[in-house]
Structure formats: C-alpha cells, structure tokens
C-alpha cells in the first residue's frame, strides 16, 4: 500500500493540519504517516494557542518513519520557525526525498499567523528548492514573491512563472481568494501552464482546504500520476469534499470538509 508522510501541525478541531491530512490521504487510498511539528489549540473559529514541539522529537519522528516505512511521498504543512524548517530540510536531504509537496502554510483560516516572519527566507531558499511541487494560495504567493497584488488570472499566471524560479519543479497556485463565480488554479511545470477552473461553492465550510489539496496531490504523485493529472484529480476530490461539507455543518465558524464523502 502506498505510504505518504505528512510533516505538519496538529489541529485540535481536526479540520486542518495533520488531522485533515490523514483523512485526505486515507480517503484517496493511501496510508498516512505523521511527524507533528506543532500543537495548536484550534477550532472552526480560530487558533487560540500554539506550542512548537522540541526539535529533537521532530527529528526522531521523521527518522522513525523512514527507518521502518516505505515512504512514497512527503507533504509538509505548518513549519512555524526557521529551526523547524532546518530540521525538515536536513531530513529530506538525508533520505533523498524526491516527491516532496510543500504547502507554505503562513496564516490560519481565522487569521492567526502560523509562520514566523523570520522563517520566510529559510522556507524560500532551502525547503522550496527541494520540492517536487509547491501549493501556495494567492496571499502566500505574494509573500514569497514580495509583491503587493495578484488580482487577475493573468496576474496568477505571471506569479506561477515567478514562483517556479524559486527552484521547485512544479507550481500549483491556488486562486480561491479571488472573487468571482469561478475559482481558478494555475499549474506550471516550467514549460506548460494549465488553468483549472471550477464553479465556486457558496459555503463557509472551507477549513483545511489547502491542507487537503496538498495531501491529496501528494497521494496522486505517489501513485505515479504526472503533475497535471495529479492536480486535476486533487481538485476534483477537494471540490466534492467542500460540496458535501454541508451534510455535516460542524462548528460555528469555518467548518471542515467532508473528506469521506463517498462513504
């Protein structure tokens, strides 16, 4: 069975982070492995507390996984500090990870900062160049590129090209933050650029969408699909998970997706 490791933070509300990753990985037919970087006190209304785990235990978790399991792909989420990013970079190099999906998590759905400003350069210069794919949303892309606005589809296309220059193999720039009847995501592999569009779902239940997308993308890449096919499959899954989230309607804020909508 395909095994996918997620290195990320824990969400006590289970809508995002490690918990969402495990649900997405399982729902897409793989076995999820975890290395927790931070613990958050979090629900659908926001984040109330964050505790970064000691670096030694993050090292040990990753080592314990690679010393026993056959890891086909790795996805990273919340890596809040330069020191934590350095641990992940060191271990990815040690284990020669080729299928690495980096979700450059910076801010929670409720607005809480999940990446220290001092860690942005470390993320850009050391982790992203190791990535098979990165999956920033528009706000994260603006930070990574140091630009003030991405407001149109053409802006997104230009930004995807610039993001590729950070050294990753592929870019998936997510456009859910833009207004409009349709949402657009831009995928770029250095040669071809494809736009994926879907009709926007009018819902507040979108907590953990980015985590779910990146984890599902990692599973598809681990299965051997090419990048663009992996994106298409991931988008279809996430769309349906959002669409069926109304069946649950959990929490009083931004509710979680329905990861197991087929069951």
Protein backbone atom coordinates (compact mmCIF):
# COMPACT_ATOMS: atom_id res chain seq x y z
CA UNK A 1 0.00 0.00 0.00
CA UNK A 2 1.26 3.48 -0.87
CA UNK A 3 2.53 5.32 2.21
CA UNK A 4 2.58 9.12 2.44
CA UNK A 5 4.18 11.13 5.24
CA UNK A 6 2.77 14.46 6.37
CA UNK A 7 5.01 16.78 8.41
CA UNK A 8 2.74 19.44 9.86
CA UNK A 9 0.97 20.90 12.85
CA UNK A 10 -1.90 19.37 14.79
CA UNK A 11 -5.36 20.99 14.72
CA UNK A 12 -7.42 20.11 17.81
CA UNK A 13 -10.59 20.82 15.81
CA UNK A 14 -9.43 18.23 13.27
CA UNK A 15 -10.44 20.33 10.27
CA UNK A 16 -6.93 21.23 9.09
CA UNK A 17 -3.33 20.22 9.73
CA UNK A 18 -2.27 16.66 10.47
CA UNK A 19 -5.85 15.54 11.04
CA UNK A 20 -7.09 16.79 7.67
CA UNK A 21 -4.01 15.34 6.01
CA UNK A 22 -4.68 11.87 7.41
CA UNK A 23 -8.31 11.97 6.33
CA UNK A 24 -7.40 13.07 2.80
CA UNK A 25 -4.62 10.53 2.46
CA UNK A 26 -6.87 7.72 3.67
CA UNK A 27 -9.83 8.76 1.53
CA UNK A 28 -7.59 8.70 -1.53
CA UNK A 29 -6.40 5.16 -0.92
CA UNK A 30 -3.02 5.56 0.78
CA UNK A 31 -1.64 5.02 4.28
CA UNK A 32 -0.89 8.21 6.18
CA UNK A 33 2.21 8.65 8.33
CA UNK A 34 2.82 11.68 10.55
CA UNK A 35 5.53 13.83 12.06
CA UNK A 36 3.97 16.58 14.18
CA UNK A 37 5.80 19.90 14.30
CA UNK A 38 3.46 22.00 16.44
CA UNK A 39 0.33 21.60 18.52
CA UNK A 40 -2.41 24.18 18.07
CA UNK A 41 -5.47 24.85 20.19
CA UNK A 42 -7.86 25.44 17.33
CA UNK A 43 -11.48 25.16 16.26
CA UNK A 44 -13.62 26.45 13.42
CA UNK A 45 -13.49 29.96 14.91
CA UNK A 46 -9.70 30.29 15.03
CA UNK A 47 -6.43 29.46 16.76
CA UNK A 48 -6.11 30.28 20.46
CA UNK A 49 -2.68 28.80 21.28
CA UNK A 50 0.38 27.29 19.60
CA UNK A 51 3.16 25.12 21.01
CA UNK A 52 6.13 24.16 18.84
CA UNK A 53 7.49 20.73 19.65
CA UNK A 54 11.18 20.34 20.57
CA UNK A 55 13.42 19.91 17.55
CA UNK A 56 14.72 16.59 18.87
CA UNK A 57 11.28 14.95 18.75
CA UNK A 58 10.66 16.26 15.23
CA UNK A 59 13.95 14.72 14.15
CA UNK A 60 13.05 11.46 15.89
CA UNK A 61 9.57 11.25 14.36
CA UNK A 62 10.91 11.64 10.83
CA UNK A 63 13.74 9.18 11.42
CA UNK A 64 11.40 6.59 12.93
CA UNK A 65 9.19 6.78 9.84
CA UNK A 66 11.98 6.38 7.30
CA UNK A 67 13.65 3.62 9.31
CA UNK A 68 10.59 1.41 9.01
CA UNK A 69 8.14 2.52 6.34
CA UNK A 70 8.37 2.70 2.56
CA UNK A 71 7.58 6.38 2.10
CA UNK A 72 6.42 7.17 -1.44
CA UNK A 73 5.85 10.90 -0.95
CA UNK A 74 6.08 13.61 1.71
CA UNK A 75 3.83 16.61 2.28
CA UNK A 76 4.78 19.50 4.56
CA UNK A 77 2.35 21.91 6.17
CA UNK A 78 2.85 24.12 9.22
CA UNK A 79 6.57 24.64 9.83
CA UNK A 80 6.46 27.65 12.09
CA UNK A 81 10.14 28.52 12.64
CA UNK A 82 13.47 28.61 10.85
CA UNK A 83 14.72 25.90 13.17
CA UNK A 84 11.87 23.54 12.33
CA UNK A 85 12.34 24.17 8.62
CA UNK A 86 16.03 23.42 9.03
CA UNK A 87 15.19 20.05 10.60
CA UNK A 88 12.90 19.17 7.71
CA UNK A 89 15.43 20.26 5.10
CA UNK A 90 18.12 18.18 6.77
CA UNK A 91 15.94 15.05 6.87
CA UNK A 92 14.64 15.45 3.32
CA UNK A 93 18.23 15.61 2.10
CA UNK A 94 19.28 12.67 4.27
CA UNK A 95 16.53 10.45 2.90
CA UNK A 96 16.79 11.82 -0.65
CA UNK A 97 13.08 12.58 -0.89
CA UNK A 98 12.10 13.28 -4.49
CA UNK A 99 8.31 13.51 -4.23
CA UNK A 100 8.00 16.38 -1.77
CA UNK A 101 4.92 18.61 -1.77
CA UNK A 102 5.42 21.84 0.15
CA UNK A 103 2.33 23.70 1.29
CA UNK A 104 3.82 27.02 2.50
CA UNK A 105 1.35 27.48 5.34
CA UNK A 106 1.54 31.02 6.72
CA UNK A 107 -1.83 32.02 8.17
CA UNK A 108 -4.75 30.01 9.55
CA UNK A 109 -8.28 30.42 8.17
CA UNK A 110 -9.14 32.64 11.15
CA UNK A 111 -6.13 34.90 10.57
CA UNK A 112 -3.62 33.57 13.11
CA UNK A 113 0.00 33.60 11.95
CA UNK A 114 1.45 30.08 11.60
CA UNK A 115 4.83 31.01 10.12
CA UNK A 116 7.23 33.41 11.77
CA UNK A 117 8.39 36.26 9.54
CA UNK A 118 11.98 35.31 10.27
CA UNK A 119 11.40 31.86 8.74
CA UNK A 120 10.22 33.02 5.32
CA UNK A 121 13.70 33.24 3.80
CA UNK A 122 14.57 29.78 5.11
CA UNK A 123 11.42 28.41 3.51
CA UNK A 124 12.16 30.12 0.19
CA UNK A 125 15.87 29.43 -0.02
CA UNK A 126 16.21 25.97 1.48
CA UNK A 127 12.96 23.99 1.50
CA UNK A 128 11.17 25.11 -1.66
CA UNK A 129 14.17 24.24 -3.90
CA UNK A 130 13.81 20.63 -2.69
CA UNK A 131 10.13 20.43 -3.63
CA UNK A 132 8.58 18.45 -6.43
CA UNK A 133 5.61 20.80 -6.09
CA UNK A 134 4.58 23.81 -4.02
CA UNK A 135 0.94 24.76 -3.39
CA UNK A 136 0.69 28.40 -2.23
CA UNK A 137 -2.53 30.34 -2.21
CA UNK A 138 -2.54 33.89 -3.53
CA UNK A 139 -1.71 35.50 -0.18
CA UNK A 140 1.21 33.13 0.36
CA UNK A 141 2.44 33.70 -3.18
CA UNK A 142 2.52 37.46 -2.62
CA UNK A 143 4.72 36.95 0.45
CA UNK A 144 7.03 34.51 -1.30
CA UNK A 145 7.45 36.85 -4.27
CA UNK A 146 7.47 40.10 -2.30
CA UNK A 147 4.76 41.64 -4.45
CA UNK A 148 1.73 43.70 -3.50
CA UNK A 149 -1.07 42.27 -5.57
CA UNK A 150 -2.30 39.28 -7.54
CA UNK A 151 -5.78 40.30 -8.68
CA UNK A 152 -6.47 38.62 -12.01
CA UNK A 153 -5.97 35.30 -13.76
CA UNK A 154 -3.19 36.89 -15.82
CA UNK A 155 -1.53 38.00 -12.56
CA UNK A 156 -1.76 34.41 -11.35
CA UNK A 157 -0.11 33.08 -14.50
CA UNK A 158 2.77 35.54 -14.15
CA UNK A 159 3.13 34.71 -10.45
CA UNK A 160 3.25 30.97 -11.15
CA UNK A 161 6.15 31.52 -13.55
CA UNK A 162 7.98 33.60 -10.95
CA UNK A 163 7.34 31.05 -8.21
CA UNK A 164 8.94 28.34 -10.36
CA UNK A 165 12.14 30.40 -10.27
CA UNK A 166 12.41 29.70 -6.54
CA UNK A 167 13.75 26.28 -7.52
CA UNK A 168 10.85 23.84 -7.20
CA UNK A 169 9.94 21.50 -10.05
CA UNK A 170 6.25 22.39 -10.24
CA UNK A 171 3.88 25.10 -9.00
CA UNK A 172 0.20 24.92 -8.13
CA UNK A 173 -1.02 28.45 -7.40
CA UNK A 174 -4.47 28.33 -5.81
CA UNK A 175 -6.88 31.14 -6.65
CA UNK A 176 -9.70 30.66 -4.17
CA UNK A 177 -9.03 34.06 -2.59
CA UNK A 178 -10.07 35.90 -5.75
CA UNK A 179 -13.71 36.90 -6.15
CA UNK A 180 -15.88 35.57 -8.93
CA UNK A 181 -18.35 32.90 -9.97
CA UNK A 182 -15.49 30.53 -10.77
CA UNK A 183 -12.30 29.68 -8.96
CA UNK A 184 -9.06 29.34 -10.89
CA UNK A 185 -5.92 27.42 -10.04
CA UNK A 186 -2.79 27.71 -12.15
CA UNK A 187 -0.38 24.81 -12.58
CA UNK A 188 3.05 25.30 -14.12
CA UNK A 189 5.91 22.85 -14.67
CA UNK A 190 8.45 25.16 -16.25
CA UNK A 191 7.22 24.51 -19.79
CA UNK A 192 3.46 24.11 -19.81
CA UNK A 193 0.94 26.21 -17.92
CA UNK A 194 -2.59 24.96 -17.33
CA UNK A 195 -5.57 26.70 -15.77
CA UNK A 196 -8.08 24.62 -13.81
CA UNK A 197 -11.46 26.24 -13.19
CA UNK A 198 -14.49 25.15 -11.19
CA UNK A 199 -17.69 26.88 -10.21
CA UNK A 200 -17.40 28.47 -6.79
CA UNK A 201 -19.38 26.81 -3.99
CA UNK A 202 -21.18 29.27 -1.74
CA UNK A 203 -20.21 27.87 1.66
CA UNK A 204 -18.40 28.74 4.86
CA UNK A 205 -17.17 25.15 5.24
CA UNK A 206 -13.68 25.52 3.79
CA UNK A 207 -11.45 24.95 6.85
CA UNK A 208 -8.48 22.80 5.87
CA UNK A 209 -8.93 23.15 2.12
CA UNK A 210 -5.23 23.90 1.50
CA UNK A 211 -4.04 21.03 3.67
CA UNK A 212 -6.45 18.67 1.95
CA UNK A 213 -5.38 19.79 -1.52
CA UNK A 214 -1.67 19.36 -0.82
CA UNK A 215 -2.10 15.96 0.82
CA UNK A 216 -4.27 14.68 -1.99
CA UNK A 217 -1.78 15.98 -4.53
CA UNK A 218 0.99 14.10 -2.70
CA UNK A 219 -1.01 10.87 -2.84
CA UNK A 220 -1.61 11.21 -6.57
CA UNK A 221 2.05 11.95 -7.21
CA UNK A 222 2.98 8.93 -5.08
CA UNK A 223 0.69 6.80 -7.25
CA UNK A 224 2.78 7.77 -10.25
CA UNK A 225 0.46 10.24 -11.99
CA UNK A 226 2.11 13.15 -13.77
CA UNK A 227 1.84 16.59 -12.19
CA UNK A 228 -1.09 17.95 -14.21
CA UNK A 229 -3.13 14.75 -13.81
CA UNK A 230 -2.37 14.80 -10.09
CA UNK A 231 -3.66 18.37 -9.85
CA UNK A 232 -6.85 17.52 -11.76
CA UNK A 233 -7.60 14.54 -9.52
CA UNK A 234 -6.84 16.53 -6.37
CA UNK A 235 -9.09 19.41 -7.43
CA UNK A 236 -11.97 17.05 -8.18
CA UNK A 237 -11.63 15.41 -4.76
CA UNK A 238 -11.41 18.71 -2.87
CA UNK A 239 -14.38 20.15 -4.80
CA UNK A 240 -16.54 17.23 -3.76
CA UNK A 241 -15.29 17.34 -0.17
CA UNK A 242 -16.34 21.01 0.03
CA UNK A 243 -19.64 20.35 -1.77
CA UNK A 244 -20.64 17.62 0.70
CA UNK A 245 -19.43 19.53 3.78
CA UNK A 246 -22.94 20.93 4.19
CA UNK A 247 -24.02 17.41 5.13
CA UNK A 248 -22.07 17.80 8.38
CA UNK A 249 -22.18 21.54 9.16
CA UNK A 250 -19.76 21.18 12.10
CA UNK A 251 -18.76 24.12 14.29
CA UNK A 252 -19.88 27.75 14.44
CA UNK A 253 -17.20 29.16 12.14
CA UNK A 254 -15.44 27.88 9.03
CA UNK A 255 -16.45 24.24 9.13
CA UNK A 256 -14.33 21.30 7.93
CA UNK A 257 -14.65 19.45 4.65
CA UNK A 258 -16.33 16.08 4.35
CA UNK A 259 -13.28 14.03 3.47
CA UNK A 260 -15.15 10.73 3.35
CA UNK A 261 -18.00 11.91 1.16
CA UNK A 262 -18.07 8.57 -0.68
CA UNK A 263 -18.93 6.68 2.49
